[in-house]
Amino acid sequence: MKKIIFTDKAPAPIGPYSQATQIGNTIYTSGQIPLTTTGELVTESIEAETKQVMENLKVVLEAAGATFENVVKTTIFISNMDDFGKINTVYGSYINEETAPARETVQVARLPKDVNVEISMIAVV
């Protein structure tokens, strides 16, 4: 049975989707963008955007009883591959390199609200 995960510590969905869903032991997060709980976009730098995205993912995972240690797969969408190194540095500050999940990073033409980074995760508890 599907369980809907919601926390008011992360931005509310801006469309017909959930912050995350859980089936059995597997948690699927929706892509998070650098949106705050008050609906403001963090845009001062790619590092600040990435930090907000990771903080959003952290609280969504926590609402499902998980942490970044439970993440088995990450997908990163970026608007400019030249930002990869900066995004990777911030992402890496949240992820234990020895137990890091599988991951892909894809440059896309455009992201919601014209942000520069969106990240989704799959975790197993």
PDB file of N, CA and C in Angstrom:
ATOM      1  N   MET A   1       0.833  -1.183   0.000  1.00  0.00           N
ATOM      2  CA  MET A   1       0.000   0.000   0.000  1.00  0.00           C
ATOM      3  C   MET A   1       0.879   1.249   0.000  1.00  0.00           C
ATOM      4  N   LYS A   2       0.521   2.207  -0.803  1.00  0.00           N
ATOM      5  CA  LYS A   2       1.282   3.448  -0.922  1.00  0.00           C
ATOM      6  C   LYS A   2       0.983   4.370   0.255  1.00  0.00           C
ATOM      7  N   LYS A   3       2.061   4.911   0.824  1.00  0.00           N
ATOM      8  CA  LYS A   3       1.941   5.885   1.910  1.00  0.00           C
ATOM      9  C   LYS A   3       2.461   7.223   1.401  1.00  0.00           C
ATOM     10  N   ILE A   4       1.708   8.286   1.626  1.00  0.00           N
ATOM     11  CA  ILE A   4       2.113   9.626   1.227  1.00  0.00           C
ATOM     12  C   ILE A   4       2.915  10.245   2.361  1.00  0.00           C
ATOM     13  N   ILE A   5       4.067  10.789   2.020  1.00  0.00           N
ATOM     14  CA  ILE A   5       4.935  11.440   3.002  1.00  0.00           C
ATOM     15  C   ILE A   5       4.767  12.948   2.846  1.00  0.00           C
ATOM     16  N   PHE A   6       4.531  13.637   3.971  1.00  0.00           N
ATOM     17  CA  PHE A   6       4.414  15.089   3.950  1.00  0.00           C
ATOM     18  C   PHE A   6       5.012  15.663   5.219  1.00  0.00           C
ATOM     19  N   THR A   7       5.728  16.770   5.070  1.00  0.00           N
ATOM     20  CA  THR A   7       6.211  17.525   6.218  1.00  0.00           C
ATOM     21  C   THR A   7       6.073  19.006   5.920  1.00  0.00           C
ATOM     22  N   ASP A   8       5.698  19.764   6.942  1.00  0.00           N
ATOM     23  CA  ASP A   8       5.629  21.216   6.766  1.00  0.00           C
ATOM     24  C   ASP A   8       7.004  21.860   6.899  1.00  0.00           C
ATOM     25  N   LYS A   9       8.043  21.040   7.112  1.00  0.00           N
ATOM     26  CA  LYS A   9       9.417  21.542   7.181  1.00  0.00           C
ATOM     27  C   LYS A   9      10.051  21.667   5.796  1.00  0.00           C
ATOM     28  N   ALA A  10       9.332  21.215   4.771  1.00  0.00           N
ATOM     29  CA  ALA A  10       9.775  21.340   3.379  1.00  0.00           C
ATOM     30  C   ALA A  10       8.691  22.100   2.622  1.00  0.00           C
ATOM     31  N   PRO A  11       9.045  22.671   1.467  1.00  0.00           N
ATOM     32  CA  PRO A  11       8.020  23.392   0.709  1.00  0.00           C
ATOM     33  C   PRO A  11       6.877  22.466   0.294  1.00  0.00           C
ATOM     34  N   ALA A  12       5.676  22.996   0.357  1.00  0.00           N
ATOM     35  CA  ALA A  12       4.508  22.231  -0.081  1.00  0.00           C
ATOM     36  C   ALA A  12       4.591  22.007  -1.590  1.00  0.00           C
ATOM     37  N   PRO A  13       4.084  20.904  -2.069  1.00  0.00           N
ATOM     38  CA  PRO A  13       4.069  20.668  -3.519  1.00  0.00           C
ATOM     39  C   PRO A  13       3.394  21.813  -4.259  1.00  0.00           C
ATOM     40  N   ILE A  14       3.925  22.132  -5.444  1.00  0.00           N
ATOM     41  CA  ILE A  14       3.357  23.215  -6.253  1.00  0.00           C
ATOM     42  C   ILE A  14       2.550  22.650  -7.422  1.00  0.00           C
ATOM     43  N   GLY A  15       2.138  21.413  -7.287  1.00  0.00           N
ATOM     44  CA  GLY A  15       1.350  20.752  -8.319  1.00  0.00           C
ATOM     45  C   GLY A  15       0.751  19.476  -7.761  1.00  0.00           C
ATOM     46  N   PRO A  16       0.188  18.648  -8.623  1.00  0.00           N
ATOM     47  CA  PRO A  16      -0.451  17.411  -8.179  1.00  0.00           C
ATOM     48  C   PRO A  16       0.565  16.280  -7.952  1.00  0.00           C
ATOM     49  N   TYR A  17       1.362  16.416  -6.911  1.00  0.00           N
ATOM     50  CA  TYR A  17       2.328  15.382  -6.545  1.00  0.00           C
ATOM     51  C   TYR A  17       2.579  15.466  -5.047  1.00  0.00           C
ATOM     52  N   SER A  18       3.230  14.454  -4.502  1.00  0.00           N
ATOM     53  CA  SER A  18       3.571  14.397  -3.080  1.00  0.00           C
ATOM     54  C   SER A  18       5.043  14.715  -2.890  1.00  0.00           C
ATOM     55  N   GLN A  19       5.406  15.154  -1.700  1.00  0.00           N
ATOM     56  CA  GLN A  19       6.828  15.368  -1.396  1.00  0.00           C
ATOM     57  C   GLN A  19       7.588  14.054  -1.524  1.00  0.00           C
ATOM     58  N   ALA A  20       6.932  12.980  -1.108  1.00  0.00           N
ATOM     59  CA  ALA A  20       7.503  11.641  -1.247  1.00  0.00           C
ATOM     60  C   ALA A  20       6.399  10.627  -1.093  1.00  0.00           C
ATOM     61  N   THR A  21       6.667   9.427  -1.594  1.00  0.00           N
ATOM     62  CA  THR A  21       5.765   8.300  -1.376  1.00  0.00           C
ATOM     63  C   THR A  21       6.597   7.128  -0.888  1.00  0.00           C
ATOM     64  N   GLN A  22       5.939   6.239  -0.173  1.00  0.00           N
ATOM     65  CA  GLN A  22       6.624   5.052   0.331  1.00  0.00           C
ATOM     66  C   GLN A  22       5.804   3.826  -0.026  1.00  0.00           C
ATOM     67  N   ILE A  23       6.490   2.840  -0.574  1.00  0.00           N
ATOM     68  CA  ILE A  23       5.904   1.531  -0.848  1.00  0.00           C
ATOM     69  C   ILE A  23       6.794   0.529  -0.127  1.00  0.00           C
ATOM     70  N   GLY A  24       6.236  -0.163   0.841  1.00  0.00           N
ATOM     71  CA  GLY A  24       7.055  -1.092   1.618  1.00  0.00           C
ATOM     72  C   GLY A  24       8.201  -0.343   2.281  1.00  0.00           C
ATOM     73  N   ASN A  25       9.421  -0.801   2.035  1.00  0.00           N
ATOM     74  CA  ASN A  25      10.603  -0.175   2.632  1.00  0.00           C
ATOM     75  C   ASN A  25      11.240   0.877   1.740  1.00  0.00           C
ATOM     76  N   THR A  26      10.632   1.161   0.586  1.00  0.00           N
ATOM     77  CA  THR A  26      11.250   2.066  -0.372  1.00  0.00           C
ATOM     78  C   THR A  26      10.551   3.415  -0.383  1.00  0.00           C
ATOM     79  N   ILE A  27      11.356   4.474  -0.311  1.00  0.00           N
ATOM     80  CA  ILE A  27      10.871   5.855  -0.308  1.00  0.00           C
ATOM     81  C   ILE A  27      11.327   6.518  -1.599  1.00  0.00           C
ATOM     82  N   TYR A  28      10.399   7.150  -2.280  1.00  0.00           N
ATOM     83  CA  TYR A  28      10.689   7.887  -3.511  1.00  0.00           C
ATOM     84  C   TYR A  28      10.395   9.361  -3.257  1.00  0.00           C
ATOM     85  N   THR A  29      11.419  10.199  -3.292  1.00  0.00           N
ATOM     86  CA  THR A  29      11.165  11.631  -3.109  1.00  0.00           C
ATOM     87  C   THR A  29      10.857  12.262  -4.458  1.00  0.00           C
ATOM     88  N   SER A  30      10.028  13.270  -4.433  1.00  0.00           N
ATOM     89  CA  SER A  30       9.854  14.096  -5.617  1.00  0.00           C
ATOM     90  C   SER A  30      11.091  14.970  -5.756  1.00  0.00           C
ATOM     91  N   GLY A  31      11.307  15.471  -6.946  1.00  0.00           N
ATOM     92  CA  GLY A  31      12.421  16.380  -7.143  1.00  0.00           C
ATOM     93  C   GLY A  31      12.223  17.627  -6.303  1.00  0.00           C
ATOM     94  N   GLN A  32      13.269  18.018  -5.620  1.00  0.00           N
ATOM     95  CA  GLN A  32      13.230  19.237  -4.814  1.00  0.00           C
ATOM     96  C   GLN A  32      14.012  20.325  -5.528  1.00  0.00           C
ATOM     97  N   ILE A  33      13.447  21.524  -5.506  1.00  0.00           N
ATOM     98  CA  ILE A  33      14.121  22.694  -6.047  1.00  0.00           C
ATOM     99  C   ILE A  33      14.442  23.620  -4.875  1.00  0.00           C
ATOM    100  N   PRO A  34      15.213  24.675  -5.088  1.00  0.00           N
ATOM    101  CA  PRO A  34      15.609  25.550  -3.970  1.00  0.00           C
ATOM    102  C   PRO A  34      14.499  26.502  -3.521  1.00  0.00           C
ATOM    103  N   LEU A  35      13.403  25.926  -3.108  1.00  0.00           N
ATOM    104  CA  LEU A  35      12.244  26.664  -2.638  1.00  0.00           C
ATOM    105  C   LEU A  35      12.185  26.519  -1.121  1.00  0.00           C
ATOM    106  N   THR A  36      11.894  27.620  -0.419  1.00  0.00           N
ATOM    107  CA  THR A  36      11.761  27.564   1.036  1.00  0.00           C
ATOM    108  C   THR A  36      10.319  27.222   1.405  1.00  0.00           C
ATOM    109  N   THR A  37      10.089  26.987   2.682  1.00  0.00           N
ATOM    110  CA  THR A  37       8.731  26.676   3.145  1.00  0.00           C
ATOM    111  C   THR A  37       7.796  27.862   2.995  1.00  0.00           C
ATOM    112  N   THR A  38       8.349  29.050   2.859  1.00  0.00           N
ATOM    113  CA  THR A  38       7.516  30.244   2.666  1.00  0.00           C
ATOM    114  C   THR A  38       7.287  30.546   1.189  1.00  0.00           C
ATOM    115  N   GLY A  39       7.802  29.680   0.321  1.00  0.00           N
ATOM    116  CA  GLY A  39       7.582  29.845  -1.110  1.00  0.00           C
ATOM    117  C   GLY A  39       8.592  30.723  -1.820  1.00  0.00           C
ATOM    118  N   GLU A  40       9.645  31.118  -1.109  1.00  0.00           N
ATOM    119  CA  GLU A  40      10.680  31.950  -1.723  1.00  0.00           C
ATOM    120  C   GLU A  40      11.745  31.071  -2.363  1.00  0.00           C
ATOM    121  N   LEU A  41      12.243  31.521  -3.511  1.00  0.00           N
ATOM    122  CA  LEU A  41      13.334  30.819  -4.175  1.00  0.00           C
ATOM    123  C   LEU A  41      14.663  31.313  -3.649  1.00  0.00           C
ATOM    124  N   VAL A  42      15.587  30.390  -3.414  1.00  0.00           N
ATOM    125  CA  VAL A  42      16.955  30.724  -3.056  1.00  0.00           C
ATOM    126  C   VAL A  42      17.724  30.808  -4.371  1.00  0.00           C
ATOM    127  N   THR A  43      18.259  31.966  -4.681  1.00  0.00           N
ATOM    128  CA  THR A  43      18.885  32.157  -5.988  1.00  0.00           C
ATOM    129  C   THR A  43      20.239  32.856  -5.945  1.00  0.00           C
ATOM    130  N   GLU A  44      20.776  33.129  -4.753  1.00  0.00           N
ATOM    131  CA  GLU A  44      21.997  33.941  -4.706  1.00  0.00           C
ATOM    132  C   GLU A  44      23.229  33.272  -5.300  1.00  0.00           C
ATOM    133  N   SER A  45      23.269  31.940  -5.303  1.00  0.00           N
ATOM    134  CA  SER A  45      24.396  31.214  -5.917  1.00  0.00           C
ATOM    135  C   SER A  45      23.986  29.768  -6.129  1.00  0.00           C
ATOM    136  N   ILE A  46      24.718  29.074  -6.982  1.00  0.00           N
ATOM    137  CA  ILE A  46      24.423  27.654  -7.209  1.00  0.00           C
ATOM    138  C   ILE A  46      24.665  26.857  -5.930  1.00  0.00           C
ATOM    139  N   GLU A  47      25.639  27.274  -5.135  1.00  0.00           N
ATOM    140  CA  GLU A  47      25.893  26.588  -3.859  1.00  0.00           C
ATOM    141  C   GLU A  47      24.700  26.760  -2.918  1.00  0.00           C
ATOM    142  N   ALA A  48      24.168  27.988  -2.833  1.00  0.00           N
ATOM    143  CA  ALA A  48      23.015  28.237  -1.962  1.00  0.00           C
ATOM    144  C   ALA A  48      21.784  27.476  -2.458  1.00  0.00           C
ATOM    145  N   GLU A  49      21.602  27.423  -3.779  1.00  0.00           N
ATOM    146  CA  GLU A  49      20.482  26.661  -4.341  1.00  0.00           C
ATOM    147  C   GLU A  49      20.600  25.187  -3.960  1.00  0.00           C
ATOM    148  N   THR A  50      21.792  24.641  -4.147  1.00  0.00           N
ATOM    149  CA  THR A  50      22.008  23.222  -3.860  1.00  0.00           C
ATOM    150  C   THR A  50      21.822  22.927  -2.379  1.00  0.00           C
ATOM    151  N   LYS A  51      22.303  23.812  -1.519  1.00  0.00           N
ATOM    152  CA  LYS A  51      22.141  23.626  -0.070  1.00  0.00           C
ATOM    153  C   LYS A  51      20.655  23.590   0.292  1.00  0.00           C
ATOM    154  N   GLN A  52      19.852  24.502  -0.274  1.00  0.00           N
ATOM    155  CA  GLN A  52      18.419  24.516   0.020  1.00  0.00           C
ATOM    156  C   GLN A  52      17.755  23.227  -0.461  1.00  0.00           C
ATOM    157  N   VAL A  53      18.137  22.763  -1.633  1.00  0.00           N
ATOM    158  CA  VAL A  53      17.599  21.506  -2.164  1.00  0.00           C
ATOM    159  C   VAL A  53      17.929  20.353  -1.215  1.00  0.00           C
ATOM    160  N   MET A  54      19.177  20.275  -0.775  1.00  0.00           N
ATOM    161  CA  MET A  54      19.581  19.182   0.119  1.00  0.00           C
ATOM    162  C   MET A  54      18.882  19.285   1.476  1.00  0.00           C
ATOM    163  N   GLU A  55      18.690  20.490   1.983  1.00  0.00           N
ATOM    164  CA  GLU A  55      17.964  20.660   3.247  1.00  0.00           C
ATOM    165  C   GLU A  55      16.509  20.218   3.081  1.00  0.00           C
ATOM    166  N   ASN A  56      15.903  20.540   1.943  1.00  0.00           N
ATOM    167  CA  ASN A  56      14.532  20.085   1.678  1.00  0.00           C
ATOM    168  C   ASN A  56      14.471  18.562   1.656  1.00  0.00           C
ATOM    169  N   LEU A  57      15.418  17.945   0.951  1.00  0.00           N
ATOM    170  CA  LEU A  57      15.445  16.482   0.883  1.00  0.00           C
ATOM    171  C   LEU A  57      15.678  15.873   2.258  1.00  0.00           C
ATOM    172  N   LYS A  58      16.539  16.476   3.049  1.00  0.00           N
ATOM    173  CA  LYS A  58      16.838  15.975   4.395  1.00  0.00           C
ATOM    174  C   LYS A  58      15.569  15.876   5.245  1.00  0.00           C
ATOM    175  N   VAL A  59      14.750  16.944   5.239  1.00  0.00           N
ATOM    176  CA  VAL A  59      13.551  16.915   6.083  1.00  0.00           C
ATOM    177  C   VAL A  59      12.459  16.012   5.517  1.00  0.00           C
ATOM    178  N   VAL A  60      12.395  15.882   4.197  1.00  0.00           N
ATOM    179  CA  VAL A  60      11.432  14.947   3.603  1.00  0.00           C
ATOM    180  C   VAL A  60      11.824  13.514   3.972  1.00  0.00           C
ATOM    181  N   LEU A  61      13.100  13.193   3.851  1.00  0.00           N
ATOM    182  CA  LEU A  61      13.561  11.859   4.246  1.00  0.00           C
ATOM    183  C   LEU A  61      13.291  11.604   5.729  1.00  0.00           C
ATOM    184  N   GLU A  62      13.573  12.610   6.563  1.00  0.00           N
ATOM    185  CA  GLU A  62      13.324  12.466   8.003  1.00  0.00           C
ATOM    186  C   GLU A  62      11.855  12.191   8.283  1.00  0.00           C
ATOM    187  N   ALA A  63      10.955  12.842   7.546  1.00  0.00           N
ATOM    188  CA  ALA A  63       9.514  12.621   7.734  1.00  0.00           C
ATOM    189  C   ALA A  63       9.128  11.181   7.424  1.00  0.00           C
ATOM    190  N   ALA A  64       9.935  10.529   6.596  1.00  0.00           N
ATOM    191  CA  ALA A  64       9.681   9.126   6.250  1.00  0.00           C
ATOM    192  C   ALA A  64      10.494   8.172   7.126  1.00  0.00           C
ATOM    193  N   GLY A  65      11.223   8.708   8.097  1.00  0.00           N
ATOM    194  CA  GLY A  65      12.024   7.865   8.980  1.00  0.00           C
ATOM    195  C   GLY A  65      13.348   7.450   8.376  1.00  0.00           C
ATOM    196  N   ALA A  66      13.877   8.265   7.468  1.00  0.00           N
ATOM    197  CA  ALA A  66      15.129   7.936   6.785  1.00  0.00           C
ATOM    198  C   ALA A  66      16.129   9.087   6.906  1.00  0.00           C
ATOM    199  N   THR A  67      17.353   8.806   6.488  1.00  0.00           N
ATOM    200  CA  THR A  67      18.412   9.809   6.409  1.00  0.00           C
ATOM    201  C   THR A  67      19.115   9.637   5.064  1.00  0.00           C
ATOM    202  N   PHE A  68      20.094  10.466   4.811  1.00  0.00           N
ATOM    203  CA  PHE A  68      20.870  10.313   3.586  1.00  0.00           C
ATOM    204  C   PHE A  68      21.590   8.967   3.537  1.00  0.00           C
ATOM    205  N   GLU A  69      21.841   8.362   4.676  1.00  0.00           N
ATOM    206  CA  GLU A  69      22.474   7.033   4.705  1.00  0.00           C
ATOM    207  C   GLU A  69      21.578   5.969   4.077  1.00  0.00           C
ATOM    208  N   ASN A  70      20.272   6.204   4.051  1.00  0.00           N
ATOM    209  CA  ASN A  70      19.329   5.245   3.473  1.00  0.00           C
ATOM    210  C   ASN A  70      19.169   5.406   1.967  1.00  0.00           C
ATOM    211  N   VAL A  71      19.722   6.474   1.411  1.00  0.00           N
ATOM    212  CA  VAL A  71      19.537   6.761  -0.017  1.00  0.00           C
ATOM    213  C   VAL A  71      20.357   5.785  -0.853  1.00  0.00           C
ATOM    214  N   VAL A  72      19.690   5.168  -1.827  1.00  0.00           N
ATOM    215  CA  VAL A  72      20.358   4.204  -2.716  1.00  0.00           C
ATOM    216  C   VAL A  72      20.509   4.741  -4.132  1.00  0.00           C
ATOM    217  N   LYS A  73      19.768   5.804  -4.484  1.00  0.00           N
ATOM    218  CA  LYS A  73      19.815   6.350  -5.839  1.00  0.00           C
ATOM    219  C   LYS A  73      19.471   7.826  -5.798  1.00  0.00           C
ATOM    220  N   THR A  74      20.265   8.624  -6.491  1.00  0.00           N
ATOM    221  CA  THR A  74      20.033  10.061  -6.598  1.00  0.00           C
ATOM    222  C   THR A  74      20.033  10.456  -8.065  1.00  0.00           C
ATOM    223  N   THR A  75      19.123  11.357  -8.412  1.00  0.00           N
ATOM    224  CA  THR A  75      19.114  11.951  -9.744  1.00  0.00           C
ATOM    225  C   THR A  75      19.242  13.455  -9.577  1.00  0.00           C
ATOM    226  N   ILE A  76      20.229  14.025 -10.268  1.00  0.00           N
ATOM    227  CA  ILE A  76      20.460  15.466 -10.220  1.00  0.00           C
ATOM    228  C   ILE A  76      20.237  16.038 -11.615  1.00  0.00           C
ATOM    229  N   PHE A  77      19.356  17.029 -11.679  1.00  0.00           N
ATOM    230  CA  PHE A  77      19.102  17.751 -12.924  1.00  0.00           C
ATOM    231  C   PHE A  77      19.691  19.143 -12.760  1.00  0.00           C
ATOM    232  N   ILE A  78      20.523  19.570 -13.718  1.00  0.00           N
ATOM    233  CA  ILE A  78      21.122  20.894 -13.644  1.00  0.00           C
ATOM    234  C   ILE A  78      20.945  21.619 -14.967  1.00  0.00           C
ATOM    235  N   SER A  79      20.875  22.931 -14.880  1.00  0.00           N
ATOM    236  CA  SER A  79      20.676  23.728 -16.087  1.00  0.00           C
ATOM    237  C   SER A  79      21.981  24.039 -16.807  1.00  0.00           C
ATOM    238  N   ASN A  80      23.113  23.867 -16.103  1.00  0.00           N
ATOM    239  CA  ASN A  80      24.410  24.185 -16.706  1.00  0.00           C
ATOM    240  C   ASN A  80      25.464  23.228 -16.160  1.00  0.00           C
ATOM    241  N   MET A  81      25.996  22.382 -17.011  1.00  0.00           N
ATOM    242  CA  MET A  81      26.991  21.398 -16.566  1.00  0.00           C
ATOM    243  C   MET A  81      28.252  22.061 -16.013  1.00  0.00           C
ATOM    244  N   ASP A  82      28.470  23.317 -16.341  1.00  0.00           N
ATOM    245  CA  ASP A  82      29.616  24.038 -15.769  1.00  0.00           C
ATOM    246  C   ASP A  82      29.487  24.200 -14.257  1.00  0.00           C
ATOM    247  N   ASP A  83      28.272  24.058 -13.706  1.00  0.00           N
ATOM    248  CA  ASP A  83      28.039  24.154 -12.265  1.00  0.00           C
ATOM    249  C   ASP A  83      28.242  22.826 -11.546  1.00  0.00           C
ATOM    250  N   PHE A  84      28.558  21.772 -12.284  1.00  0.00           N
ATOM    251  CA  PHE A  84      28.652  20.427 -11.703  1.00  0.00           C
ATOM    252  C   PHE A  84      29.578  20.379 -10.491  1.00  0.00           C
ATOM    253  N   GLY A  85      30.756  20.945 -10.592  1.00  0.00           N
ATOM    254  CA  GLY A  85      31.724  20.885  -9.492  1.00  0.00           C
ATOM    255  C   GLY A  85      31.206  21.530  -8.223  1.00  0.00           C
ATOM    256  N   LYS A  86      30.588  22.691  -8.353  1.00  0.00           N
ATOM    257  CA  LYS A  86      30.055  23.396  -7.181  1.00  0.00           C
ATOM    258  C   LYS A  86      28.891  22.624  -6.569  1.00  0.00           C
ATOM    259  N   ILE A  87      28.013  22.102  -7.413  1.00  0.00           N
ATOM    260  CA  ILE A  87      26.887  21.296  -6.931  1.00  0.00           C
ATOM    261  C   ILE A  87      27.410  20.049  -6.230  1.00  0.00           C
ATOM    262  N   ASN A  88      28.380  19.406  -6.837  1.00  0.00           N
ATOM    263  CA  ASN A  88      28.948  18.182  -6.286  1.00  0.00           C
ATOM    264  C   ASN A  88      29.581  18.417  -4.917  1.00  0.00           C
ATOM    265  N   THR A  89      30.231  19.568  -4.740  1.00  0.00           N
ATOM    266  CA  THR A  89      30.849  19.886  -3.453  1.00  0.00           C
ATOM    267  C   THR A  89      29.794  20.003  -2.359  1.00  0.00           C
ATOM    268  N   VAL A  90      28.717  20.719  -2.639  1.00  0.00           N
ATOM    269  CA  VAL A  90      27.648  20.866  -1.643  1.00  0.00           C
ATOM    270  C   VAL A  90      26.967  19.525  -1.400  1.00  0.00           C
ATOM    271  N   TYR A  91      26.613  18.828  -2.464  1.00  0.00           N
ATOM    272  CA  TYR A  91      25.993  17.499  -2.347  1.00  0.00           C
ATOM    273  C   TYR A  91      26.877  16.580  -1.499  1.00  0.00           C
ATOM    274  N   GLY A  92      28.172  16.593  -1.782  1.00  0.00           N
ATOM    275  CA  GLY A  92      29.114  15.736  -1.062  1.00  0.00           C
ATOM    276  C   GLY A  92      29.228  16.050   0.413  1.00  0.00           C
ATOM    277  N   SER A  93      28.883  17.265   0.817  1.00  0.00           N
ATOM    278  CA  SER A  93      28.937  17.613   2.242  1.00  0.00           C
ATOM    279  C   SER A  93      27.782  16.974   3.023  1.00  0.00           C
ATOM    280  N   TYR A  94      26.790  16.459   2.320  1.00  0.00           N
ATOM    281  CA  TYR A  94      25.648  15.791   2.953  1.00  0.00           C
ATOM    282  C   TYR A  94      25.722  14.270   2.850  1.00  0.00           C
ATOM    283  N   ILE A  95      26.535  13.777   1.944  1.00  0.00           N
ATOM    284  CA  ILE A  95      26.568  12.348   1.638  1.00  0.00           C
ATOM    285  C   ILE A  95      27.887  11.744   2.095  1.00  0.00           C
ATOM    286  N   ASN A  96      27.810  10.605   2.772  1.00  0.00           N
ATOM    287  CA  ASN A  96      29.000   9.869   3.179  1.00  0.00           C
ATOM    288  C   ASN A  96      29.592   9.197   1.940  1.00  0.00           C
ATOM    289  N   GLU A  97      30.778   9.588   1.562  1.00  0.00           N
ATOM    290  CA  GLU A  97      31.375   9.077   0.330  1.00  0.00           C
ATOM    291  C   GLU A  97      31.539   7.558   0.335  1.00  0.00           C
ATOM    292  N   GLU A  98      31.770   6.981   1.510  1.00  0.00           N
ATOM    293  CA  GLU A  98      31.978   5.529   1.593  1.00  0.00           C
ATOM    294  C   GLU A  98      30.691   4.741   1.392  1.00  0.00           C
ATOM    295  N   THR A  99      29.546   5.368   1.626  1.00  0.00           N
ATOM    296  CA  THR A  99      28.262   4.679   1.442  1.00  0.00           C
ATOM    297  C   THR A  99      27.381   5.443   0.447  1.00  0.00           C
ATOM    298  N   ALA A 100      28.015   6.206  -0.421  1.00  0.00           N
ATOM    299  CA  ALA A 100      27.288   7.058  -1.366  1.00  0.00           C
ATOM    300  C   ALA A 100      26.362   6.236  -2.260  1.00  0.00           C
ATOM    301  N   PRO A 101      25.195   6.803  -2.581  1.00  0.00           N
ATOM    302  CA  PRO A 101      24.263   6.101  -3.459  1.00  0.00           C
ATOM    303  C   PRO A 101      24.720   6.135  -4.917  1.00  0.00           C
ATOM    304  N   ALA A 102      24.104   5.308  -5.732  1.00  0.00           N
ATOM    305  CA  ALA A 102      24.265   5.426  -7.182  1.00  0.00           C
ATOM    306  C   ALA A 102      23.679   6.780  -7.578  1.00  0.00           C
ATOM    307  N   ARG A 103      24.181   7.334  -8.701  1.00  0.00           N
ATOM    308  CA  ARG A 103      23.728   8.677  -9.060  1.00  0.00           C
ATOM    309  C   ARG A 103      23.935   8.944 -10.534  1.00  0.00           C
ATOM    310  N   GLU A 104      23.048   9.783 -11.085  1.00  0.00           N
ATOM    311  CA  GLU A 104      23.305  10.359 -12.392  1.00  0.00           C
ATOM    312  C   GLU A 104      23.059  11.845 -12.292  1.00  0.00           C
ATOM    313  N   THR A 105      23.775  12.582 -13.137  1.00  0.00           N
ATOM    314  CA  THR A 105      23.609  14.033 -13.227  1.00  0.00           C
ATOM    315  C   THR A 105      23.357  14.359 -14.686  1.00  0.00           C
ATOM    316  N   VAL A 106      22.271  15.087 -14.939  1.00  0.00           N
ATOM    317  CA  VAL A 106      21.851  15.358 -16.304  1.00  0.00           C
ATOM    318  C   VAL A 106      21.637  16.859 -16.480  1.00  0.00           C
ATOM    319  N   GLN A 107      22.225  17.411 -17.541  1.00  0.00           N
ATOM    320  CA  GLN A 107      21.931  18.803 -17.886  1.00  0.00           C
ATOM    321  C   GLN A 107      20.630  18.830 -18.672  1.00  0.00           C
ATOM    322  N   VAL A 108      19.751  19.755 -18.285  1.00  0.00           N
ATOM    323  CA  VAL A 108      18.454  19.888 -18.941  1.00  0.00           C
ATOM    324  C   VAL A 108      18.281  21.312 -19.467  1.00  0.00           C
ATOM    325  N   ALA A 109      17.358  21.481 -20.373  1.00  0.00           N
ATOM    326  CA  ALA A 109      17.136  22.797 -20.978  1.00  0.00           C
ATOM    327  C   ALA A 109      16.517  23.792 -20.001  1.00  0.00           C
ATOM    328  N   ARG A 110      15.635  23.284 -19.126  1.00  0.00           N
ATOM    329  CA  ARG A 110      14.941  24.194 -18.219  1.00  0.00           C
ATOM    330  C   ARG A 110      14.369  23.403 -17.059  1.00  0.00           C
ATOM    331  N   LEU A 111      14.326  24.042 -15.886  1.00  0.00           N
ATOM    332  CA  LEU A 111      13.760  23.429 -14.692  1.00  0.00           C
ATOM    333  C   LEU A 111      12.606  24.292 -14.177  1.00  0.00           C
ATOM    334  N   PRO A 112      11.744  23.722 -13.313  1.00  0.00           N
ATOM    335  CA  PRO A 112      10.625  24.498 -12.776  1.00  0.00           C
ATOM    336  C   PRO A 112      11.098  25.803 -12.135  1.00  0.00           C
ATOM    337  N   LYS A 113      10.341  26.847 -12.357  1.00  0.00           N
ATOM    338  CA  LYS A 113      10.629  28.179 -11.815  1.00  0.00           C
ATOM    339  C   LYS A 113      11.996  28.709 -12.248  1.00  0.00           C
ATOM    340  N   ASP A 114      12.533  28.140 -13.319  1.00  0.00           N
ATOM    341  CA  ASP A 114      13.828  28.548 -13.873  1.00  0.00           C
ATOM    342  C   ASP A 114      14.979  28.444 -12.877  1.00  0.00           C
ATOM    343  N   VAL A 115      14.899  27.459 -11.974  1.00  0.00           N
ATOM    344  CA  VAL A 115      16.002  27.225 -11.041  1.00  0.00           C
ATOM    345  C   VAL A 115      17.142  26.530 -11.783  1.00  0.00           C
ATOM    346  N   ASN A 116      18.261  26.378 -11.107  1.00  0.00           N
ATOM    347  CA  ASN A 116      19.444  25.779 -11.732  1.00  0.00           C
ATOM    348  C   ASN A 116      19.719  24.348 -11.314  1.00  0.00           C
ATOM    349  N   VAL A 117      19.014  23.853 -10.287  1.00  0.00           N
ATOM    350  CA  VAL A 117      19.253  22.492  -9.821  1.00  0.00           C
ATOM    351  C   VAL A 117      17.969  21.907  -9.222  1.00  0.00           C
ATOM    352  N   GLU A 118      17.755  20.626  -9.500  1.00  0.00           N
ATOM    353  CA  GLU A 118      16.661  19.850  -8.912  1.00  0.00           C
ATOM    354  C   GLU A 118      17.211  18.466  -8.625  1.00  0.00           C
ATOM    355  N   ILE A 119      16.891  17.934  -7.440  1.00  0.00           N
ATOM    356  CA  ILE A 119      17.415  16.620  -7.047  1.00  0.00           C
ATOM    357  C   ILE A 119      16.271  15.767  -6.497  1.00  0.00           C
ATOM    358  N   SER A 120      16.259  14.491  -6.902  1.00  0.00           N
ATOM    359  CA  SER A 120      15.326  13.518  -6.332  1.00  0.00           C
ATOM    360  C   SER A 120      16.132  12.327  -5.829  1.00  0.00           C
ATOM    361  N   MET A 121      15.529  11.573  -4.917  1.00  0.00           N
ATOM    362  CA  MET A 121      16.224  10.448  -4.295  1.00  0.00           C
ATOM    363  C   MET A 121      15.295   9.253  -4.111  1.00  0.00           C
ATOM    364  N   ILE A 122      15.905   8.090  -4.046  1.00  0.00           N
ATOM    365  CA  ILE A 122      15.220   6.857  -3.662  1.00  0.00           C
ATOM    366  C   ILE A 122      15.974   6.328  -2.453  1.00  0.00           C
ATOM    367  N   ALA A 123      15.240   6.004  -1.399  1.00  0.00           N
ATOM    368  CA  ALA A 123      15.856   5.500  -0.165  1.00  0.00           C
ATOM    369  C   ALA A 123      15.161   4.205   0.250  1.00  0.00           C
ATOM    370  N   VAL A 124      15.881   3.376   0.980  1.00  0.00           N
ATOM    371  CA  VAL A 124      15.338   2.121   1.496  1.00  0.00           C
ATOM    372  C   VAL A 124      15.569   2.109   3.010  1.00  0.00           C
ATOM    373  N   VAL A 125      14.483   1.827   3.752  1.00  0.00           N
ATOM    374  CA  VAL A 125      14.574   1.764   5.216  1.00  0.00           C
ATOM    375  C   VAL A 125      14.295   0.367   5.701  1.00  0.00           C
TER     376      VAL A 125
END
